[in-house]
N, C-alpha and C. Protein backbone atom coordinates (compact mmCIF):
# COMPACT_ATOMS: atom_id res chain seq x y z
N MET A 1 63.03 -40.81 24.46
CA MET A 1 61.91 -40.11 25.07
C MET A 1 61.29 -40.95 26.17
N ASP A 2 62.17 -41.42 27.05
CA ASP A 2 61.70 -42.23 28.16
C ASP A 2 60.77 -41.39 29.04
N GLY A 3 59.74 -42.03 29.55
CA GLY A 3 58.81 -41.33 30.44
C GLY A 3 57.60 -40.79 29.74
N PHE A 4 57.67 -40.69 28.41
CA PHE A 4 56.50 -40.19 27.66
C PHE A 4 55.70 -41.35 27.13
N ASN A 5 54.43 -41.32 27.26
CA ASN A 5 53.54 -42.29 26.65
C ASN A 5 52.27 -41.59 26.22
N GLU A 6 51.31 -42.34 25.79
CA GLU A 6 50.07 -41.74 25.28
C GLU A 6 49.33 -40.97 26.35
N ASN A 7 49.39 -41.48 27.59
CA ASN A 7 48.71 -40.78 28.68
C ASN A 7 49.37 -39.45 28.98
N ASN A 8 50.74 -39.41 28.91
CA ASN A 8 51.42 -38.14 29.13
C ASN A 8 51.04 -37.11 28.08
N MET A 9 50.90 -37.47 26.88
CA MET A 9 50.61 -36.54 25.79
C MET A 9 49.22 -35.92 25.94
N ASN A 10 48.31 -36.69 26.56
CA ASN A 10 46.96 -36.16 26.74
C ASN A 10 46.93 -34.90 27.60
N GLU A 11 47.96 -34.73 28.45
CA GLU A 11 48.00 -33.55 29.30
C GLU A 11 48.21 -32.27 28.50
N PHE A 12 48.82 -32.39 27.35
CA PHE A 12 49.13 -31.23 26.51
C PHE A 12 48.15 -31.06 25.36
N ALA A 13 47.18 -31.95 25.30
CA ALA A 13 46.20 -31.88 24.22
C ALA A 13 45.20 -30.77 24.50
N PRO A 14 44.66 -30.09 23.47
CA PRO A 14 43.65 -29.05 23.69
C PRO A 14 42.40 -29.64 24.28
N PRO A 15 41.62 -28.83 25.08
CA PRO A 15 40.41 -29.37 25.70
C PRO A 15 39.39 -29.76 24.66
N SER A 16 38.59 -30.74 25.01
CA SER A 16 37.54 -31.18 24.10
C SER A 16 36.44 -30.11 24.06
N LYS A 17 35.55 -30.19 23.09
CA LYS A 17 34.44 -29.24 22.98
C LYS A 17 33.55 -29.29 24.21
N LYS A 18 33.36 -30.48 24.75
CA LYS A 18 32.53 -30.64 25.93
C LYS A 18 33.13 -29.90 27.12
N ASN A 19 34.45 -30.10 27.33
CA ASN A 19 35.13 -29.42 28.44
C ASN A 19 35.14 -27.91 28.25
N LEU A 20 35.29 -27.50 26.99
CA LEU A 20 35.31 -26.06 26.71
C LEU A 20 33.97 -25.42 27.05
N LYS A 21 32.88 -26.12 26.75
CA LYS A 21 31.55 -25.61 27.08
C LYS A 21 31.38 -25.46 28.59
N ILE A 22 31.91 -26.43 29.34
CA ILE A 22 31.81 -26.39 30.80
C ILE A 22 32.56 -25.18 31.35
N VAL A 23 33.77 -24.94 30.79
CA VAL A 23 34.57 -23.79 31.22
C VAL A 23 33.86 -22.48 30.95
N VAL A 24 33.30 -22.36 29.74
CA VAL A 24 32.58 -21.14 29.36
C VAL A 24 31.37 -20.93 30.26
N LEU A 25 30.63 -22.02 30.53
CA LEU A 25 29.46 -21.93 31.38
C LEU A 25 29.83 -21.45 32.79
N MET A 26 30.94 -21.97 33.32
CA MET A 26 31.39 -21.56 34.65
C MET A 26 31.76 -20.09 34.67
N LEU A 27 32.43 -19.62 33.60
CA LEU A 27 32.80 -18.20 33.52
C LEU A 27 31.56 -17.32 33.49
N VAL A 28 30.55 -17.76 32.72
CA VAL A 28 29.31 -16.98 32.63
C VAL A 28 28.64 -16.89 34.00
N MET A 29 28.63 -18.03 34.72
CA MET A 29 28.02 -18.05 36.04
C MET A 29 28.77 -17.16 37.02
N LEU A 30 30.09 -17.15 36.93
CA LEU A 30 30.90 -16.29 37.81
C LEU A 30 30.63 -14.82 37.53
N ILE A 31 30.55 -14.48 36.23
CA ILE A 31 30.29 -13.08 35.85
C ILE A 31 28.92 -12.66 36.33
N ALA A 32 27.92 -13.54 36.16
CA ALA A 32 26.56 -13.23 36.60
C ALA A 32 26.51 -13.01 38.11
N ALA A 33 27.24 -13.86 38.85
CA ALA A 33 27.28 -13.71 40.31
C ALA A 33 27.92 -12.39 40.71
N ALA A 34 29.00 -12.04 40.01
CA ALA A 34 29.69 -10.77 40.31
C ALA A 34 28.79 -9.58 40.04
N VAL A 35 28.06 -9.63 38.92
CA VAL A 35 27.14 -8.55 38.58
C VAL A 35 26.05 -8.42 39.64
N ALA A 36 25.54 -9.57 40.12
CA ALA A 36 24.49 -9.56 41.15
C ALA A 36 25.00 -8.92 42.43
N VAL A 37 26.23 -9.26 42.82
CA VAL A 37 26.82 -8.68 44.04
C VAL A 37 26.97 -7.18 43.90
N ILE A 38 27.46 -6.73 42.74
CA ILE A 38 27.64 -5.30 42.49
C ILE A 38 26.29 -4.58 42.55
N ALA A 39 25.25 -5.23 41.97
CA ALA A 39 23.92 -4.61 41.97
C ALA A 39 23.39 -4.46 43.40
N VAL A 40 23.62 -5.47 44.23
CA VAL A 40 23.17 -5.41 45.62
C VAL A 40 23.88 -4.29 46.36
N VAL A 41 25.21 -4.17 46.13
CA VAL A 41 25.99 -3.12 46.79
C VAL A 41 25.51 -1.75 46.38
N ILE A 42 25.27 -1.55 45.07
CA ILE A 42 24.80 -0.26 44.57
C ILE A 42 23.42 0.05 45.13
N SER A 43 22.55 -0.97 45.12
CA SER A 43 21.20 -0.78 45.65
C SER A 43 21.23 -0.41 47.13
N GLY A 44 22.11 -1.11 47.87
CA GLY A 44 22.24 -0.81 49.30
C GLY A 44 22.74 0.59 49.55
N SER A 45 23.72 1.02 48.74
CA SER A 45 24.27 2.37 48.89
C SER A 45 23.22 3.42 48.57
N LYS A 46 22.43 3.14 47.52
CA LYS A 46 21.38 4.08 47.13
C LYS A 46 20.33 4.18 48.22
N LYS A 47 19.97 3.02 48.81
CA LYS A 47 18.97 3.00 49.87
C LYS A 47 19.48 3.73 51.11
N ASP A 48 20.78 3.54 51.42
CA ASP A 48 21.37 4.25 52.56
C ASP A 48 21.31 5.75 52.34
N ALA A 49 21.63 6.15 51.10
CA ALA A 49 21.60 7.58 50.78
C ALA A 49 20.19 8.14 50.89
N GLU A 50 19.20 7.34 50.42
CA GLU A 50 17.81 7.78 50.51
C GLU A 50 17.36 7.89 51.95
N ASN A 51 17.76 6.92 52.78
CA ASN A 51 17.40 6.95 54.20
C ASN A 51 18.05 8.14 54.88
N LYS A 52 19.31 8.41 54.52
CA LYS A 52 20.02 9.55 55.11
C LYS A 52 19.34 10.85 54.76
N GLU A 53 18.93 10.96 53.48
CA GLU A 53 18.24 12.17 53.03
C GLU A 53 16.89 12.30 53.72
N LYS A 54 16.21 11.14 53.86
CA LYS A 54 14.91 11.14 54.50
C LYS A 54 15.00 11.62 55.95
N ASN A 55 16.10 11.31 56.60
CA ASN A 55 16.27 11.65 58.01
C ASN A 55 17.02 12.96 58.22
N SER A 56 17.25 13.72 57.16
CA SER A 56 18.01 14.96 57.29
C SER A 56 17.13 16.10 57.80
N HIS A 57 17.79 17.18 58.24
CA HIS A 57 17.04 18.34 58.74
C HIS A 57 16.21 18.99 57.65
N LYS A 58 16.74 19.03 56.42
CA LYS A 58 15.98 19.63 55.33
C LYS A 58 14.72 18.82 55.03
N ALA A 59 14.84 17.49 55.03
CA ALA A 59 13.68 16.64 54.77
C ALA A 59 12.61 16.84 55.84
N ALA A 60 13.04 17.04 57.09
CA ALA A 60 12.08 17.28 58.17
C ALA A 60 11.32 18.58 57.93
N VAL A 61 12.02 19.61 57.49
CA VAL A 61 11.37 20.90 57.21
C VAL A 61 10.38 20.74 56.06
N GLU A 62 10.79 20.00 55.03
CA GLU A 62 9.90 19.79 53.89
C GLU A 62 8.64 19.03 54.29
N THR A 63 8.81 18.01 55.15
CA THR A 63 7.64 17.28 55.64
C THR A 63 6.71 18.21 56.41
N TYR A 64 7.31 19.05 57.23
CA TYR A 64 6.55 20.01 58.04
C TYR A 64 5.77 20.98 57.16
N THR A 65 6.43 21.57 56.18
CA THR A 65 5.78 22.57 55.33
C THR A 65 4.71 21.93 54.45
N GLU A 66 4.94 20.70 54.01
CA GLU A 66 3.93 20.01 53.20
C GLU A 66 2.69 19.69 54.03
N ALA A 67 2.91 19.35 55.30
CA ALA A 67 1.79 18.97 56.16
C ALA A 67 1.03 20.18 56.70
N MET A 68 1.67 21.34 56.68
CA MET A 68 1.06 22.53 57.27
C MET A 68 -0.29 22.88 56.67
N TYR A 69 -0.43 22.65 55.36
CA TYR A 69 -1.66 23.05 54.68
C TYR A 69 -2.30 21.90 53.90
N GLU A 70 -2.10 20.69 54.41
CA GLU A 70 -2.80 19.52 53.86
C GLU A 70 -3.80 19.03 54.91
N THR A 71 -5.05 19.03 54.57
CA THR A 71 -6.09 18.73 55.57
C THR A 71 -5.99 17.33 56.15
N ASP A 72 -5.43 16.39 55.39
CA ASP A 72 -5.34 15.01 55.88
C ASP A 72 -3.94 14.65 56.37
N ALA A 73 -3.14 15.65 56.67
CA ALA A 73 -1.74 15.39 57.02
C ALA A 73 -1.43 15.65 58.50
N PHE A 74 -2.44 15.56 59.33
CA PHE A 74 -2.22 15.83 60.76
C PHE A 74 -1.20 14.87 61.37
N ASP A 75 -1.30 13.59 61.03
CA ASP A 75 -0.35 12.62 61.58
C ASP A 75 1.08 12.90 61.13
N ASP A 76 1.24 13.31 59.86
CA ASP A 76 2.57 13.70 59.38
C ASP A 76 3.09 14.90 60.16
N PHE A 77 2.18 15.82 60.44
CA PHE A 77 2.54 17.05 61.15
C PHE A 77 3.04 16.74 62.57
N ILE A 78 2.29 15.92 63.30
CA ILE A 78 2.70 15.64 64.68
C ILE A 78 3.91 14.70 64.73
N ASN A 79 4.05 13.84 63.71
CA ASN A 79 5.22 12.95 63.67
C ASN A 79 6.52 13.74 63.58
N VAL A 80 6.46 14.89 62.91
CA VAL A 80 7.68 15.67 62.72
C VAL A 80 7.81 16.81 63.73
N THR A 81 6.82 16.95 64.61
CA THR A 81 6.89 18.02 65.61
C THR A 81 6.90 17.50 67.05
N MET A 82 6.84 16.20 67.22
CA MET A 82 6.86 15.61 68.56
C MET A 82 7.92 14.50 68.65
N PRO A 83 8.69 14.46 69.73
CA PRO A 83 9.59 13.33 69.96
C PRO A 83 8.76 12.04 70.08
N ALA A 84 9.37 10.92 69.74
CA ALA A 84 8.65 9.64 69.71
C ALA A 84 8.00 9.30 71.04
N ASP A 85 8.70 9.57 72.16
CA ASP A 85 8.16 9.24 73.48
C ASP A 85 6.89 10.05 73.78
N VAL A 86 6.89 11.29 73.37
CA VAL A 86 5.71 12.15 73.57
C VAL A 86 4.59 11.72 72.64
N LEU A 87 4.94 11.49 71.39
CA LEU A 87 3.95 11.14 70.37
C LEU A 87 3.19 9.86 70.72
N LYS A 88 3.91 8.87 71.17
CA LYS A 88 3.30 7.57 71.48
C LYS A 88 2.20 7.72 72.53
N GLN A 89 2.46 8.53 73.55
CA GLN A 89 1.47 8.71 74.61
C GLN A 89 0.37 9.69 74.20
N TYR A 90 0.75 10.69 73.42
CA TYR A 90 -0.22 11.69 72.95
C TYR A 90 -1.34 11.05 72.14
N LYS A 91 -1.00 10.06 71.31
CA LYS A 91 -2.00 9.43 70.46
C LYS A 91 -3.04 8.63 71.25
N LYS A 92 -2.77 8.43 72.52
CA LYS A 92 -3.73 7.69 73.37
C LYS A 92 -4.67 8.63 74.11
N THR A 93 -4.47 9.94 73.95
CA THR A 93 -5.27 10.92 74.69
C THR A 93 -6.45 11.41 73.86
N ASP A 94 -7.41 12.02 74.54
CA ASP A 94 -8.55 12.62 73.85
C ASP A 94 -8.10 13.82 73.02
N ASN A 95 -7.05 14.49 73.48
CA ASN A 95 -6.54 15.65 72.76
C ASN A 95 -6.19 15.32 71.32
N TYR A 96 -5.66 14.13 71.11
CA TYR A 96 -5.24 13.72 69.76
C TYR A 96 -6.42 13.78 68.79
N TYR A 97 -7.54 13.20 69.15
CA TYR A 97 -8.69 13.14 68.26
C TYR A 97 -9.35 14.51 68.11
N GLU A 98 -9.39 15.26 69.19
CA GLU A 98 -9.99 16.60 69.12
C GLU A 98 -9.15 17.52 68.24
N GLU A 99 -7.85 17.50 68.43
CA GLU A 99 -6.96 18.39 67.67
C GLU A 99 -6.85 17.96 66.20
N LYS A 100 -7.01 16.67 65.95
CA LYS A 100 -7.00 16.20 64.57
C LYS A 100 -8.18 16.77 63.80
N ASN A 101 -9.36 16.79 64.43
CA ASN A 101 -10.54 17.38 63.80
C ASN A 101 -10.39 18.89 63.64
N ASP A 102 -9.85 19.55 64.66
CA ASP A 102 -9.62 20.99 64.59
C ASP A 102 -8.65 21.35 63.48
N TYR A 103 -7.63 20.52 63.32
CA TYR A 103 -6.59 20.75 62.31
C TYR A 103 -7.21 20.76 60.91
N LYS A 104 -8.05 19.76 60.65
CA LYS A 104 -8.68 19.67 59.33
C LYS A 104 -9.58 20.87 59.08
N TYR A 105 -10.36 21.25 60.08
CA TYR A 105 -11.27 22.39 59.93
C TYR A 105 -10.48 23.68 59.68
N MET A 106 -9.39 23.85 60.42
CA MET A 106 -8.59 25.07 60.28
C MET A 106 -7.97 25.17 58.89
N LEU A 107 -7.47 24.04 58.37
CA LEU A 107 -6.79 24.07 57.08
C LEU A 107 -7.76 24.23 55.92
N GLU A 108 -8.98 23.78 56.09
CA GLU A 108 -9.98 23.98 55.04
C GLU A 108 -10.23 25.46 54.81
N ARG A 109 -9.98 26.26 55.83
CA ARG A 109 -10.18 27.72 55.73
C ARG A 109 -8.95 28.42 55.16
N ASN A 110 -7.84 27.66 55.01
CA ASN A 110 -6.60 28.26 54.51
C ASN A 110 -6.06 27.47 53.32
N GLU A 111 -6.97 26.93 52.50
CA GLU A 111 -6.55 26.04 51.42
C GLU A 111 -5.81 26.75 50.29
N ASN A 112 -5.86 28.07 50.25
CA ASN A 112 -5.19 28.82 49.19
C ASN A 112 -3.74 29.16 49.51
N ILE A 113 -3.29 28.79 50.68
CA ILE A 113 -1.92 29.12 51.09
C ILE A 113 -0.96 28.00 50.69
N THR A 114 0.18 28.38 50.12
CA THR A 114 1.22 27.42 49.76
C THR A 114 2.57 27.91 50.30
N VAL A 115 3.54 26.99 50.33
CA VAL A 115 4.87 27.29 50.88
C VAL A 115 5.89 27.35 49.75
N SER A 116 6.84 28.26 49.89
CA SER A 116 7.91 28.36 48.90
C SER A 116 9.21 28.84 49.56
N SER A 117 10.31 28.76 48.80
CA SER A 117 11.61 29.34 49.19
C SER A 117 12.11 28.87 50.56
N ILE A 118 12.28 27.57 50.72
CA ILE A 118 12.82 27.04 51.98
C ILE A 118 14.34 27.26 52.01
N LYS A 119 14.81 27.91 53.07
CA LYS A 119 16.24 28.24 53.16
C LYS A 119 16.81 27.88 54.53
N LYS A 120 17.98 27.27 54.52
CA LYS A 120 18.65 26.92 55.77
C LYS A 120 19.34 28.15 56.35
N GLY A 121 19.24 28.29 57.68
CA GLY A 121 19.86 29.41 58.36
C GLY A 121 21.02 28.99 59.24
N ASP A 122 21.20 29.66 60.37
CA ASP A 122 22.33 29.41 61.26
C ASP A 122 22.13 28.17 62.12
N MET A 123 23.27 27.60 62.54
CA MET A 123 23.23 26.51 63.52
C MET A 123 22.97 27.09 64.89
N LEU A 124 22.18 26.39 65.71
CA LEU A 124 21.89 26.86 67.05
C LEU A 124 23.07 26.61 67.98
N SER A 125 23.24 27.49 68.96
CA SER A 125 24.32 27.36 69.94
C SER A 125 23.96 26.27 70.97
N ASP A 126 24.93 25.93 71.81
CA ASP A 126 24.69 24.92 72.85
C ASP A 126 23.57 25.36 73.79
N ASN A 127 23.57 26.66 74.15
CA ASN A 127 22.50 27.16 75.03
C ASN A 127 21.14 27.05 74.37
N GLU A 128 21.08 27.37 73.07
CA GLU A 128 19.81 27.30 72.34
C GLU A 128 19.31 25.86 72.23
N LEU A 129 20.24 24.90 72.19
CA LEU A 129 19.83 23.48 72.19
C LEU A 129 19.11 23.16 73.50
N LYS A 130 19.60 23.71 74.60
CA LYS A 130 18.96 23.49 75.90
C LYS A 130 17.56 24.11 75.93
N PHE A 131 17.43 25.27 75.31
CA PHE A 131 16.12 25.93 75.25
C PHE A 131 15.14 25.07 74.44
N ALA A 132 15.64 24.46 73.37
CA ALA A 132 14.80 23.59 72.55
C ALA A 132 14.34 22.37 73.35
N GLU A 133 15.21 21.85 74.18
CA GLU A 133 14.83 20.73 75.06
C GLU A 133 13.72 21.18 76.02
N GLY A 134 13.81 22.43 76.48
CA GLY A 134 12.77 22.98 77.35
C GLY A 134 11.43 23.07 76.64
N TYR A 135 11.47 23.37 75.36
CA TYR A 135 10.24 23.44 74.57
C TYR A 135 9.53 22.08 74.57
N PHE A 136 10.28 21.01 74.30
CA PHE A 136 9.67 19.69 74.25
C PHE A 136 9.19 19.23 75.64
N GLY A 137 9.92 19.66 76.67
CA GLY A 137 9.47 19.35 78.02
C GLY A 137 8.13 19.98 78.33
N GLU A 138 7.96 21.24 77.91
CA GLU A 138 6.69 21.94 78.13
C GLU A 138 5.58 21.33 77.28
N GLN A 139 5.96 20.89 76.08
CA GLN A 139 4.99 20.24 75.19
C GLN A 139 4.41 18.99 75.86
N ALA A 140 5.29 18.21 76.48
CA ALA A 140 4.85 17.00 77.19
C ALA A 140 3.97 17.35 78.38
N ASP A 141 4.36 18.40 79.12
CA ASP A 141 3.57 18.82 80.29
C ASP A 141 2.17 19.27 79.89
N TYR A 142 2.10 19.96 78.76
CA TYR A 142 0.81 20.47 78.28
C TYR A 142 -0.18 19.34 78.05
N HIS A 143 0.32 18.21 77.59
CA HIS A 143 -0.56 17.06 77.31
C HIS A 143 -0.56 16.05 78.46
N ASP A 144 -0.01 16.45 79.61
CA ASP A 144 0.05 15.58 80.80
C ASP A 144 0.76 14.26 80.50
N ILE A 145 1.91 14.39 79.84
CA ILE A 145 2.68 13.21 79.43
C ILE A 145 3.99 13.18 80.18
N ASP A 146 4.31 12.02 80.75
CA ASP A 146 5.58 11.83 81.44
C ASP A 146 6.60 11.26 80.46
N VAL A 147 7.73 11.94 80.32
CA VAL A 147 8.77 11.46 79.40
C VAL A 147 10.13 11.51 80.10
N VAL A 148 11.04 10.69 79.59
CA VAL A 148 12.42 10.76 80.07
C VAL A 148 13.06 12.00 79.47
N ASN A 149 14.26 12.31 79.91
CA ASN A 149 14.94 13.50 79.40
C ASN A 149 15.11 13.43 77.89
N ILE A 150 14.82 14.52 77.24
CA ILE A 150 14.98 14.63 75.79
C ILE A 150 16.26 15.41 75.52
N GLU A 151 17.17 14.81 74.77
CA GLU A 151 18.46 15.44 74.48
C GLU A 151 18.53 15.83 73.00
N ILE A 152 18.86 17.09 72.76
CA ILE A 152 19.02 17.58 71.39
C ILE A 152 20.50 17.81 71.12
N THR A 153 20.98 17.22 70.03
CA THR A 153 22.42 17.24 69.74
C THR A 153 22.82 18.22 68.65
N GLU A 154 21.86 18.69 67.88
CA GLU A 154 22.18 19.57 66.75
C GLU A 154 20.91 20.26 66.30
N ALA A 155 21.03 21.47 65.77
CA ALA A 155 19.82 22.18 65.33
C ALA A 155 20.18 23.32 64.38
N TYR A 156 19.24 23.65 63.50
CA TYR A 156 19.42 24.74 62.54
C TYR A 156 18.11 25.52 62.41
N GLU A 157 18.25 26.80 62.12
CA GLU A 157 17.08 27.60 61.76
C GLU A 157 16.79 27.38 60.28
N TYR A 158 15.51 27.40 59.94
CA TYR A 158 15.08 27.36 58.54
C TYR A 158 13.99 28.41 58.34
N SER A 159 14.01 29.05 57.20
CA SER A 159 12.97 30.02 56.88
C SER A 159 12.25 29.58 55.60
N PHE A 160 11.01 29.99 55.48
CA PHE A 160 10.26 29.73 54.25
C PHE A 160 9.18 30.79 54.09
N LYS A 161 8.75 30.98 52.87
CA LYS A 161 7.75 32.00 52.57
C LYS A 161 6.39 31.34 52.38
N LEU A 162 5.36 32.05 52.80
CA LEU A 162 3.98 31.60 52.61
C LEU A 162 3.33 32.46 51.53
N LYS A 163 2.70 31.79 50.58
CA LYS A 163 2.01 32.51 49.50
C LYS A 163 0.52 32.23 49.58
N ASN A 164 -0.26 33.24 49.22
CA ASN A 164 -1.72 33.11 49.25
C ASN A 164 -2.27 33.41 47.86
N ALA A 165 -2.94 32.42 47.27
CA ALA A 165 -3.46 32.57 45.91
C ALA A 165 -4.50 33.68 45.81
N GLU A 166 -5.13 34.00 46.91
CA GLU A 166 -6.15 35.06 46.89
C GLU A 166 -5.53 36.42 46.62
N TYR A 167 -4.22 36.53 46.84
CA TYR A 167 -3.53 37.80 46.62
C TYR A 167 -2.54 37.67 45.47
N GLU A 168 -3.00 37.08 44.35
CA GLU A 168 -2.22 36.91 43.14
C GLU A 168 -0.90 36.18 43.40
N ASN A 169 -0.95 35.28 44.37
CA ASN A 169 0.19 34.41 44.68
C ASN A 169 1.44 35.18 45.12
N LYS A 170 1.25 36.36 45.65
CA LYS A 170 2.39 37.14 46.13
C LYS A 170 2.81 36.63 47.51
N ASP A 171 4.11 36.84 47.84
CA ASP A 171 4.59 36.44 49.16
C ASP A 171 3.83 37.24 50.23
N THR A 172 3.33 36.55 51.20
CA THR A 172 2.62 37.23 52.28
C THR A 172 3.56 37.50 53.46
N TYR A 173 4.20 36.45 53.96
CA TYR A 173 5.16 36.67 55.04
C TYR A 173 6.10 35.48 55.15
N THR A 174 7.16 35.66 55.90
CA THR A 174 8.18 34.62 56.07
C THR A 174 8.09 34.04 57.48
N ARG A 175 8.17 32.74 57.59
CA ARG A 175 8.19 32.06 58.89
C ARG A 175 9.55 31.43 59.10
N VAL A 176 9.95 31.38 60.35
CA VAL A 176 11.22 30.76 60.72
C VAL A 176 10.96 29.68 61.76
N VAL A 177 11.53 28.51 61.55
CA VAL A 177 11.38 27.39 62.49
C VAL A 177 12.77 26.85 62.80
N CYS A 178 12.82 25.93 63.75
CA CYS A 178 14.09 25.27 64.08
C CYS A 178 13.96 23.77 63.80
N ALA A 179 14.90 23.24 63.04
CA ALA A 179 15.00 21.80 62.83
C ALA A 179 16.01 21.28 63.85
N VAL A 180 15.57 20.39 64.72
CA VAL A 180 16.42 19.93 65.82
C VAL A 180 16.56 18.41 65.77
N LYS A 181 17.74 17.93 66.10
CA LYS A 181 18.00 16.48 66.08
C LYS A 181 17.87 15.94 67.49
N VAL A 182 16.84 15.13 67.71
CA VAL A 182 16.61 14.51 69.02
C VAL A 182 17.40 13.21 69.08
N LYS A 183 18.22 13.07 70.09
CA LYS A 183 19.08 11.89 70.21
C LYS A 183 18.24 10.61 70.21
N GLY A 184 18.61 9.69 69.33
CA GLY A 184 17.91 8.42 69.25
C GLY A 184 16.57 8.47 68.54
N ASP A 185 16.21 9.64 68.00
CA ASP A 185 14.88 9.81 67.41
C ASP A 185 14.92 10.41 66.02
N GLY A 186 15.86 11.30 65.78
CA GLY A 186 15.95 11.94 64.46
C GLY A 186 15.54 13.40 64.50
N TRP A 187 15.30 13.96 63.32
CA TRP A 187 15.04 15.39 63.17
C TRP A 187 13.57 15.73 63.39
N LYS A 188 13.36 16.76 64.20
CA LYS A 188 12.01 17.25 64.51
C LYS A 188 11.97 18.76 64.27
N ILE A 189 10.77 19.29 64.18
CA ILE A 189 10.59 20.72 63.93
C ILE A 189 9.95 21.40 65.14
N ILE A 190 10.56 22.51 65.53
CA ILE A 190 9.97 23.38 66.55
C ILE A 190 9.51 24.65 65.82
N PRO A 191 8.24 24.99 65.90
CA PRO A 191 7.71 26.13 65.13
C PRO A 191 8.03 27.49 65.74
N LEU A 192 9.28 27.66 66.14
CA LEU A 192 9.77 28.92 66.70
C LEU A 192 11.17 29.19 66.16
N ASP A 193 11.56 30.45 66.12
CA ASP A 193 12.94 30.75 65.75
C ASP A 193 13.81 30.70 67.01
N ALA A 194 15.12 30.77 66.82
CA ALA A 194 16.05 30.64 67.94
C ALA A 194 15.86 31.76 68.96
N GLU A 195 15.58 32.95 68.50
CA GLU A 195 15.40 34.08 69.42
C GLU A 195 14.18 33.85 70.32
N SER A 196 13.12 33.34 69.74
CA SER A 196 11.91 33.06 70.54
C SER A 196 12.16 31.96 71.55
N LEU A 197 12.94 30.94 71.15
CA LEU A 197 13.30 29.88 72.09
C LEU A 197 14.03 30.44 73.29
N CYS A 198 14.94 31.39 73.03
CA CYS A 198 15.73 32.02 74.08
C CYS A 198 14.81 32.82 75.02
N GLU A 199 13.89 33.58 74.43
CA GLU A 199 13.01 34.42 75.23
C GLU A 199 12.05 33.60 76.07
N MET A 200 11.59 32.49 75.54
CA MET A 200 10.57 31.70 76.22
C MET A 200 11.13 30.65 77.17
N TYR A 201 12.33 30.12 76.86
CA TYR A 201 12.84 28.99 77.65
C TYR A 201 14.24 29.23 78.22
N GLY A 202 14.79 30.42 77.99
CA GLY A 202 16.09 30.74 78.55
C GLY A 202 15.96 31.45 79.88
N SER A 203 16.94 31.27 80.74
CA SER A 203 16.93 31.97 82.02
C SER A 203 17.56 33.34 81.84
N ASP A 204 17.43 34.20 82.85
CA ASP A 204 17.92 35.58 82.74
C ASP A 204 19.44 35.66 82.57
N ASP A 205 20.17 34.67 83.08
CA ASP A 205 21.62 34.75 83.01
C ASP A 205 22.19 34.03 81.79
N GLU A 206 21.37 33.64 80.84
CA GLU A 206 21.85 32.94 79.64
C GLU A 206 21.65 33.80 78.42
């Protein structure tokens, strides 16, 4: 058995209890690290999904309908009905403070109205997207605001019912709005249906 000695045999000996504890500890640490990484990935995916939902056309409509009859929700209302470039300048005008007070007074007189049955409708055509851009252009002009071109890339009609508690909570009437995606800004609400956009902002040959 040339070549074998006591030192060679130690290579085949079972690990000591001390070494075994070190190995187990390292495995535990590796597993804990893997679990932490998985948790971060899952959390990130969940947050991405929440952000995506928050920025969706349906979420914009829900924000709009919730703010419609909340007396302290004027800022939520204008955030979802004005492009960012318009909104930033609008908040510096006297109109902002005057309309905020008017909004609260108006809603106090309609506190019994609630919204129900939100339903997605048809996608707007390319021409209707242009009409929607015209709406925001006129909105800026109304408040004497200079803005760069506003581009809308996608839009849908949405309908919802308004209920009034004074009439035994029966449906009173249905409103239709357009949820439009402003490039670089996200989803906004135009309080008109597609047909009205066409009539108000379309040319005779469109």
